[in-house]
Amino acid sequence: AFYWGHLSAFSDRVALGLEGRNHERKVFERGVDPDVDDPTKIHRHSPRSQAWPSVQEFEAYANDVEEGLSQKIIQEGVNR
């Protein structure tokens, strides 16, 4: 479940900041690192999610991010 939403959340956080999607960004921001239970060895992580969104919620979020990115590229072009 995590990987399905992680790329959308990363794209949202870095490029879009979709309004009303803070929950999704928090649930999917946590990376997969060794020693995640010892914060002295790694960067800060959000808490582990105990409940994942439904398939429909995943798809709606991914679609919102994809549409947001498409509109951003149409309006602003691609800059590196």
PDB file of N, CA and C in Angstrom:
ATOM      1  N   ALA A   1       0.820  -1.192   0.000  1.00  0.00           N
ATOM      2  CA  ALA A   1       0.000   0.000   0.000  1.00  0.00           C
ATOM      3  C   ALA A   1       0.862   1.254   0.000  1.00  0.00           C
ATOM      4  N   PHE A   2       1.930   1.241   0.770  1.00  0.00           N
ATOM      5  CA  PHE A   2       2.778   2.437   0.885  1.00  0.00           C
ATOM      6  C   PHE A   2       3.289   2.913  -0.467  1.00  0.00           C
ATOM      7  N   TYR A   3       3.851   2.018  -1.249  1.00  0.00           N
ATOM      8  CA  TYR A   3       4.478   2.437  -2.502  1.00  0.00           C
ATOM      9  C   TYR A   3       3.471   2.965  -3.521  1.00  0.00           C
ATOM     10  N   TRP A   4       2.249   2.523  -3.422  1.00  0.00           N
ATOM     11  CA  TRP A   4       1.225   2.992  -4.336  1.00  0.00           C
ATOM     12  C   TRP A   4       1.014   4.494  -4.162  1.00  0.00           C
ATOM     13  N   GLY A   5       1.069   4.983  -2.937  1.00  0.00           N
ATOM     14  CA  GLY A   5       0.825   6.397  -2.679  1.00  0.00           C
ATOM     15  C   GLY A   5       2.058   7.247  -2.523  1.00  0.00           C
ATOM     16  N   HIS A   6       3.224   6.625  -2.333  1.00  0.00           N
ATOM     17  CA  HIS A   6       4.436   7.385  -2.029  1.00  0.00           C
ATOM     18  C   HIS A   6       4.829   8.340  -3.156  1.00  0.00           C
ATOM     19  N   LEU A   7       4.814   7.889  -4.391  1.00  0.00           N
ATOM     20  CA  LEU A   7       5.211   8.770  -5.496  1.00  0.00           C
ATOM     21  C   LEU A   7       4.237   9.937  -5.666  1.00  0.00           C
ATOM     22  N   SER A   8       2.964   9.666  -5.494  1.00  0.00           N
ATOM     23  CA  SER A   8       1.986  10.751  -5.567  1.00  0.00           C
ATOM     24  C   SER A   8       2.211  11.756  -4.443  1.00  0.00           C
ATOM     25  N   ALA A   9       2.433  11.263  -3.236  1.00  0.00           N
ATOM     26  CA  ALA A   9       2.654  12.158  -2.100  1.00  0.00           C
ATOM     27  C   ALA A   9       3.926  12.974  -2.279  1.00  0.00           C
ATOM     28  N   PHE A  10       4.970  12.349  -2.784  1.00  0.00           N
ATOM     29  CA  PHE A  10       6.221  13.071  -3.021  1.00  0.00           C
ATOM     30  C   PHE A  10       6.004  14.168  -4.056  1.00  0.00           C
ATOM     31  N   SER A  11       5.357  13.826  -5.156  1.00  0.00           N
ATOM     32  CA  SER A  11       5.090  14.818  -6.205  1.00  0.00           C
ATOM     33  C   SER A  11       4.211  15.945  -5.680  1.00  0.00           C
ATOM     34  N   ASP A  12       3.220  15.591  -4.892  1.00  0.00           N
ATOM     35  CA  ASP A  12       2.331  16.590  -4.308  1.00  0.00           C
ATOM     36  C   ASP A  12       3.118  17.519  -3.391  1.00  0.00           C
ATOM     37  N   ARG A  13       3.916  16.942  -2.512  1.00  0.00           N
ATOM     38  CA  ARG A  13       4.669  17.742  -1.535  1.00  0.00           C
ATOM     39  C   ARG A  13       5.678  18.652  -2.211  1.00  0.00           C
ATOM     40  N   VAL A  14       6.383  18.150  -3.209  1.00  0.00           N
ATOM     41  CA  VAL A  14       7.455  18.912  -3.848  1.00  0.00           C
ATOM     42  C   VAL A  14       6.924  19.930  -4.866  1.00  0.00           C
ATOM     43  N   ALA A  15       5.907  19.547  -5.633  1.00  0.00           N
ATOM     44  CA  ALA A  15       5.506  20.402  -6.756  1.00  0.00           C
ATOM     45  C   ALA A  15       4.147  21.071  -6.611  1.00  0.00           C
ATOM     46  N   LEU A  16       3.240  20.489  -5.820  1.00  0.00           N
ATOM     47  CA  LEU A  16       1.866  20.978  -5.871  1.00  0.00           C
ATOM     48  C   LEU A  16       1.338  21.568  -4.570  1.00  0.00           C
ATOM     49  N   GLY A  17       1.417  20.817  -3.493  1.00  0.00           N
ATOM     50  CA  GLY A  17       0.802  21.255  -2.247  1.00  0.00           C
ATOM     51  C   GLY A  17      -0.712  21.311  -2.366  1.00  0.00           C
ATOM     52  N   LEU A  18      -1.305  20.224  -2.871  1.00  0.00           N
ATOM     53  CA  LEU A  18      -2.754  20.192  -3.073  1.00  0.00           C
ATOM     54  C   LEU A  18      -3.498  20.503  -1.773  1.00  0.00           C
ATOM     55  N   GLU A  19      -4.452  21.397  -1.881  1.00  0.00           N
ATOM     56  CA  GLU A  19      -5.246  21.793  -0.732  1.00  0.00           C
ATOM     57  C   GLU A  19      -6.091  20.614  -0.249  1.00  0.00           C
ATOM     58  N   GLY A  20      -6.146  20.432   1.054  1.00  0.00           N
ATOM     59  CA  GLY A  20      -6.960  19.371   1.633  1.00  0.00           C
ATOM     60  C   GLY A  20      -6.339  17.987   1.554  1.00  0.00           C
ATOM     61  N   ARG A  21      -5.068  17.890   1.209  1.00  0.00           N
ATOM     62  CA  ARG A  21      -4.429  16.576   1.062  1.00  0.00           C
ATOM     63  C   ARG A  21      -3.285  16.366   2.059  1.00  0.00           C
ATOM     64  N   ASN A  22      -3.304  17.070   3.183  1.00  0.00           N
ATOM     65  CA  ASN A  22      -2.249  16.893   4.193  1.00  0.00           C
ATOM     66  C   ASN A  22      -2.208  15.473   4.732  1.00  0.00           C
ATOM     67  N   HIS A  23      -3.377  14.872   4.926  1.00  0.00           N
ATOM     68  CA  HIS A  23      -3.417  13.501   5.460  1.00  0.00           C
ATOM     69  C   HIS A  23      -2.675  12.537   4.540  1.00  0.00           C
ATOM     70  N   GLU A  24      -2.937  12.613   3.253  1.00  0.00           N
ATOM     71  CA  GLU A  24      -2.276  11.725   2.305  1.00  0.00           C
ATOM     72  C   GLU A  24      -0.768  11.949   2.299  1.00  0.00           C
ATOM     73  N   ARG A  25      -0.352  13.204   2.326  1.00  0.00           N
ATOM     74  CA  ARG A  25       1.098  13.482   2.339  1.00  0.00           C
ATOM     75  C   ARG A  25       1.743  12.881   3.579  1.00  0.00           C
ATOM     76  N   LYS A  26       1.086  12.976   4.731  1.00  0.00           N
ATOM     77  CA  LYS A  26       1.641  12.422   5.969  1.00  0.00           C
ATOM     78  C   LYS A  26       1.700  10.894   5.931  1.00  0.00           C
ATOM     79  N   VAL A  27       0.613  10.262   5.481  1.00  0.00           N
ATOM     80  CA  VAL A  27       0.545   8.793   5.468  1.00  0.00           C
ATOM     81  C   VAL A  27       1.634   8.216   4.572  1.00  0.00           C
ATOM     82  N   PHE A  28       1.888   8.864   3.425  1.00  0.00           N
ATOM     83  CA  PHE A  28       2.795   8.283   2.443  1.00  0.00           C
ATOM     84  C   PHE A  28       4.193   8.876   2.428  1.00  0.00           C
ATOM     85  N   GLU A  29       4.498   9.837   3.310  1.00  0.00           N
ATOM     86  CA  GLU A  29       5.811  10.460   3.264  1.00  0.00           C
ATOM     87  C   GLU A  29       6.907   9.578   3.860  1.00  0.00           C
ATOM     88  N   ARG A  30       6.536   8.725   4.758  1.00  0.00           N
ATOM     89  CA  ARG A  30       7.515   7.918   5.476  1.00  0.00           C
ATOM     90  C   ARG A  30       8.236   6.977   4.519  1.00  0.00           C
ATOM     91  N   GLY A  31       9.530   7.091   4.455  1.00  0.00           N
ATOM     92  CA  GLY A  31      10.317   6.216   3.604  1.00  0.00           C
ATOM     93  C   GLY A  31      10.598   4.891   4.276  1.00  0.00           C
ATOM     94  N   VAL A  32      11.231   4.024   3.551  1.00  0.00           N
ATOM     95  CA  VAL A  32      11.609   2.723   4.082  1.00  0.00           C
ATOM     96  C   VAL A  32      13.108   2.766   4.320  1.00  0.00           C
ATOM     97  N   ASP A  33      13.487   2.859   5.571  1.00  0.00           N
ATOM     98  CA  ASP A  33      14.893   2.962   5.966  1.00  0.00           C
ATOM     99  C   ASP A  33      15.195   1.950   7.051  1.00  0.00           C
ATOM    100  N   PRO A  34      16.459   1.542   7.145  1.00  0.00           N
ATOM    101  CA  PRO A  34      16.828   0.711   8.298  1.00  0.00           C
ATOM    102  C   PRO A  34      16.778   1.558   9.562  1.00  0.00           C
ATOM    103  N   ASP A  35      16.584   0.940  10.687  1.00  0.00           N
ATOM    104  CA  ASP A  35      16.613   1.600  11.988  1.00  0.00           C
ATOM    105  C   ASP A  35      15.613   2.737  12.111  1.00  0.00           C
ATOM    106  N   VAL A  36      14.441   2.615  11.511  1.00  0.00           N
ATOM    107  CA  VAL A  36      13.467   3.697  11.612  1.00  0.00           C
ATOM    108  C   VAL A  36      12.966   3.906  13.035  1.00  0.00           C
ATOM    109  N   ASP A  37      13.194   2.930  13.893  1.00  0.00           N
ATOM    110  CA  ASP A  37      12.765   3.089  15.282  1.00  0.00           C
ATOM    111  C   ASP A  37      13.805   3.803  16.137  1.00  0.00           C
ATOM    112  N   ASP A  38      14.961   4.093  15.581  1.00  0.00           N
ATOM    113  CA  ASP A  38      16.009   4.829  16.305  1.00  0.00           C
ATOM    114  C   ASP A  38      16.271   6.139  15.579  1.00  0.00           C
ATOM    115  N   PRO A  39      15.571   7.221  15.977  1.00  0.00           N
ATOM    116  CA  PRO A  39      15.688   8.491  15.258  1.00  0.00           C
ATOM    117  C   PRO A  39      17.072   9.129  15.331  1.00  0.00           C
ATOM    118  N   THR A  40      17.953   8.608  16.174  1.00  0.00           N
ATOM    119  CA  THR A  40      19.311   9.160  16.202  1.00  0.00           C
ATOM    120  C   THR A  40      20.124   8.693  14.995  1.00  0.00           C
ATOM    121  N   LYS A  41      19.654   7.657  14.309  1.00  0.00           N
ATOM    122  CA  LYS A  41      20.384   7.104  13.178  1.00  0.00           C
ATOM    123  C   LYS A  41      19.840   7.548  11.827  1.00  0.00           C
ATOM    124  N   ILE A  42      18.682   8.181  11.797  1.00  0.00           N
ATOM    125  CA  ILE A  42      18.054   8.559  10.535  1.00  0.00           C
ATOM    126  C   ILE A  42      17.363   9.904  10.665  1.00  0.00           C
ATOM    127  N   HIS A  43      16.842  10.394   9.565  1.00  0.00           N
ATOM    128  CA  HIS A  43      16.073  11.633   9.595  1.00  0.00           C
ATOM    129  C   HIS A  43      14.689  11.393  10.204  1.00  0.00           C
ATOM    130  N   ARG A  44      13.979  12.473  10.479  1.00  0.00           N
ATOM    131  CA  ARG A  44      12.661  12.409  11.090  1.00  0.00           C
ATOM    132  C   ARG A  44      11.675  11.685  10.174  1.00  0.00           C
ATOM    133  N   HIS A  45      10.819  10.891  10.773  1.00  0.00           N
ATOM    134  CA  HIS A  45       9.779  10.183  10.031  1.00  0.00           C
ATOM    135  C   HIS A  45       8.432  10.465  10.663  1.00  0.00           C
ATOM    136  N   SER A  46       7.410  10.448   9.848  1.00  0.00           N
ATOM    137  CA  SER A  46       6.050  10.509  10.381  1.00  0.00           C
ATOM    138  C   SER A  46       5.745   9.162  11.036  1.00  0.00           C
ATOM    139  N   PRO A  47       4.739   9.123  11.882  1.00  0.00           N
ATOM    140  CA  PRO A  47       4.372   7.842  12.507  1.00  0.00           C
ATOM    141  C   PRO A  47       3.962   6.818  11.456  1.00  0.00           C
ATOM    142  N   ARG A  48       4.143   5.553  11.790  1.00  0.00           N
ATOM    143  CA  ARG A  48       3.702   4.487  10.890  1.00  0.00           C
ATOM    144  C   ARG A  48       2.185   4.493  10.810  1.00  0.00           C
ATOM    145  N   SER A  49       1.678   4.321   9.623  1.00  0.00           N
ATOM    146  CA  SER A  49       0.234   4.297   9.440  1.00  0.00           C
ATOM    147  C   SER A  49      -0.307   2.937   9.836  1.00  0.00           C
ATOM    148  N   GLN A  50      -1.371   2.939  10.597  1.00  0.00           N
ATOM    149  CA  GLN A  50      -2.018   1.695  10.997  1.00  0.00           C
ATOM    150  C   GLN A  50      -3.211   1.371  10.104  1.00  0.00           C
ATOM    151  N   ALA A  51      -3.680   2.374   9.370  1.00  0.00           N
ATOM    152  CA  ALA A  51      -4.832   2.175   8.485  1.00  0.00           C
ATOM    153  C   ALA A  51      -4.556   2.882   7.164  1.00  0.00           C
ATOM    154  N   TRP A  52      -4.622   2.135   6.085  1.00  0.00           N
ATOM    155  CA  TRP A  52      -4.368   2.706   4.770  1.00  0.00           C
ATOM    156  C   TRP A  52      -5.672   3.127   4.116  1.00  0.00           C
ATOM    157  N   PRO A  53      -5.604   4.138   3.257  1.00  0.00           N
ATOM    158  CA  PRO A  53      -6.809   4.539   2.516  1.00  0.00           C
ATOM    159  C   PRO A  53      -7.314   3.389   1.637  1.00  0.00           C
ATOM    160  N   SER A  54      -8.573   3.484   1.261  1.00  0.00           N
ATOM    161  CA  SER A  54      -9.159   2.469   0.384  1.00  0.00           C
ATOM    162  C   SER A  54      -8.578   2.598  -1.026  1.00  0.00           C
ATOM    163  N   VAL A  55      -8.802   1.603  -1.850  1.00  0.00           N
ATOM    164  CA  VAL A  55      -8.353   1.637  -3.240  1.00  0.00           C
ATOM    165  C   VAL A  55      -8.913   2.866  -3.945  1.00  0.00           C
ATOM    166  N   GLN A  56     -10.175   3.165  -3.705  1.00  0.00           N
ATOM    167  CA  GLN A  56     -10.805   4.322  -4.338  1.00  0.00           C
ATOM    168  C   GLN A  56     -10.141   5.623  -3.886  1.00  0.00           C
ATOM    169  N   GLU A  57      -9.780   5.710  -2.609  1.00  0.00           N
ATOM    170  CA  GLU A  57      -9.100   6.908  -2.102  1.00  0.00           C
ATOM    171  C   GLU A  57      -7.703   7.035  -2.701  1.00  0.00           C
ATOM    172  N   PHE A  58      -6.985   5.903  -2.806  1.00  0.00           N
ATOM    173  CA  PHE A  58      -5.671   5.903  -3.465  1.00  0.00           C
ATOM    174  C   PHE A  58      -5.798   6.452  -4.882  1.00  0.00           C
ATOM    175  N   GLU A  59      -6.739   5.884  -5.626  1.00  0.00           N
ATOM    176  CA  GLU A  59      -6.904   6.267  -7.029  1.00  0.00           C
ATOM    177  C   GLU A  59      -7.309   7.727  -7.177  1.00  0.00           C
ATOM    178  N   ALA A  60      -8.179   8.200  -6.317  1.00  0.00           N
ATOM    179  CA  ALA A  60      -8.612   9.602  -6.385  1.00  0.00           C
ATOM    180  C   ALA A  60      -7.430  10.533  -6.118  1.00  0.00           C
ATOM    181  N   TYR A  61      -6.615  10.204  -5.114  1.00  0.00           N
ATOM    182  CA  TYR A  61      -5.450  11.030  -4.799  1.00  0.00           C
ATOM    183  C   TYR A  61      -4.445  11.007  -5.952  1.00  0.00           C
ATOM    184  N   ALA A  62      -4.136   9.832  -6.450  1.00  0.00           N
ATOM    185  CA  ALA A  62      -3.188   9.716  -7.567  1.00  0.00           C
ATOM    186  C   ALA A  62      -3.695  10.487  -8.784  1.00  0.00           C
ATOM    187  N   ASN A  63      -4.982  10.403  -9.063  1.00  0.00           N
ATOM    188  CA  ASN A  63      -5.556  11.142 -10.187  1.00  0.00           C
ATOM    189  C   ASN A  63      -5.472  12.642  -9.973  1.00  0.00           C
ATOM    190  N   ASP A  64      -5.737  13.099  -8.741  1.00  0.00           N
ATOM    191  CA  ASP A  64      -5.624  14.529  -8.435  1.00  0.00           C
ATOM    192  C   ASP A  64      -4.197  15.024  -8.636  1.00  0.00           C
ATOM    193  N   VAL A  65      -3.233  14.233  -8.179  1.00  0.00           N
ATOM    194  CA  VAL A  65      -1.823  14.618  -8.342  1.00  0.00           C
ATOM    195  C   VAL A  65      -1.444  14.631  -9.817  1.00  0.00           C
ATOM    196  N   GLU A  66      -1.823  13.597 -10.544  1.00  0.00           N
ATOM    197  CA  GLU A  66      -1.498  13.540 -11.970  1.00  0.00           C
ATOM    198  C   GLU A  66      -2.100  14.731 -12.720  1.00  0.00           C
ATOM    199  N   GLU A  67      -3.351  15.047 -12.433  1.00  0.00           N
ATOM    200  CA  GLU A  67      -4.006  16.187 -13.075  1.00  0.00           C
ATOM    201  C   GLU A  67      -3.316  17.502 -12.675  1.00  0.00           C
ATOM    202  N   GLY A  68      -2.962  17.618 -11.403  1.00  0.00           N
ATOM    203  CA  GLY A  68      -2.262  18.818 -10.939  1.00  0.00           C
ATOM    204  C   GLY A  68      -0.916  19.000 -11.622  1.00  0.00           C
ATOM    205  N   LEU A  69      -0.174  17.911 -11.769  1.00  0.00           N
ATOM    206  CA  LEU A  69       1.128  17.985 -12.442  1.00  0.00           C
ATOM    207  C   LEU A  69       0.950  18.331 -13.912  1.00  0.00           C
ATOM    208  N   SER A  70      -0.032  17.735 -14.552  1.00  0.00           N
ATOM    209  CA  SER A  70      -0.292  18.027 -15.970  1.00  0.00           C
ATOM    210  C   SER A  70      -0.618  19.506 -16.160  1.00  0.00           C
ATOM    211  N   GLN A  71      -1.482  20.043 -15.303  1.00  0.00           N
ATOM    212  CA  GLN A  71      -1.848  21.458 -15.410  1.00  0.00           C
ATOM    213  C   GLN A  71      -0.654  22.371 -15.134  1.00  0.00           C
ATOM    214  N   LYS A  72       0.164  21.994 -14.178  1.00  0.00           N
ATOM    215  CA  LYS A  72       1.361  22.787 -13.861  1.00  0.00           C
ATOM    216  C   LYS A  72       2.307  22.822 -15.057  1.00  0.00           C
ATOM    217  N   ILE A  73       2.497  21.698 -15.713  1.00  0.00           N
ATOM    218  CA  ILE A  73       3.380  21.646 -16.897  1.00  0.00           C
ATOM    219  C   ILE A  73       2.788  22.445 -18.035  1.00  0.00           C
ATOM    220  N   ILE A  74       1.485  22.350 -18.254  1.00  0.00           N
ATOM    221  CA  ILE A  74       0.831  23.109 -19.312  1.00  0.00           C
ATOM    222  C   ILE A  74       1.003  24.612 -19.052  1.00  0.00           C
ATOM    223  N   GLN A  75       0.812  25.030 -17.806  1.00  0.00           N
ATOM    224  CA  GLN A  75       0.864  26.455 -17.471  1.00  0.00           C
ATOM    225  C   GLN A  75       2.278  27.012 -17.378  1.00  0.00           C
ATOM    226  N   GLU A  76       3.193  26.218 -16.830  1.00  0.00           N
ATOM    227  CA  GLU A  76       4.529  26.734 -16.528  1.00  0.00           C
ATOM    228  C   GLU A  76       5.640  26.130 -17.376  1.00  0.00           C
ATOM    229  N   GLY A  77       5.345  25.065 -18.086  1.00  0.00           N
ATOM    230  CA  GLY A  77       6.385  24.375 -18.829  1.00  0.00           C
ATOM    231  C   GLY A  77       7.218  23.513 -17.905  1.00  0.00           C
ATOM    232  N   VAL A  78       8.275  22.970 -18.442  1.00  0.00           N
ATOM    233  CA  VAL A  78       9.165  22.107 -17.669  1.00  0.00           C
ATOM    234  C   VAL A  78      10.483  22.833 -17.476  1.00  0.00           C
ATOM    235  N   ASN A  79      10.872  22.971 -16.226  1.00  0.00           N
ATOM    236  CA  ASN A  79      12.150  23.608 -15.894  1.00  0.00           C
ATOM    237  C   ASN A  79      13.003  22.626 -15.127  1.00  0.00           C
ATOM    238  N   ARG A  80      14.256  22.598 -15.427  1.00  0.00           N
ATOM    239  CA  ARG A  80      15.179  21.726 -14.698  1.00  0.00           C
ATOM    240  C   ARG A  80      16.061  22.545 -13.826  1.00  0.00           C
TER     241      ARG A  80
END
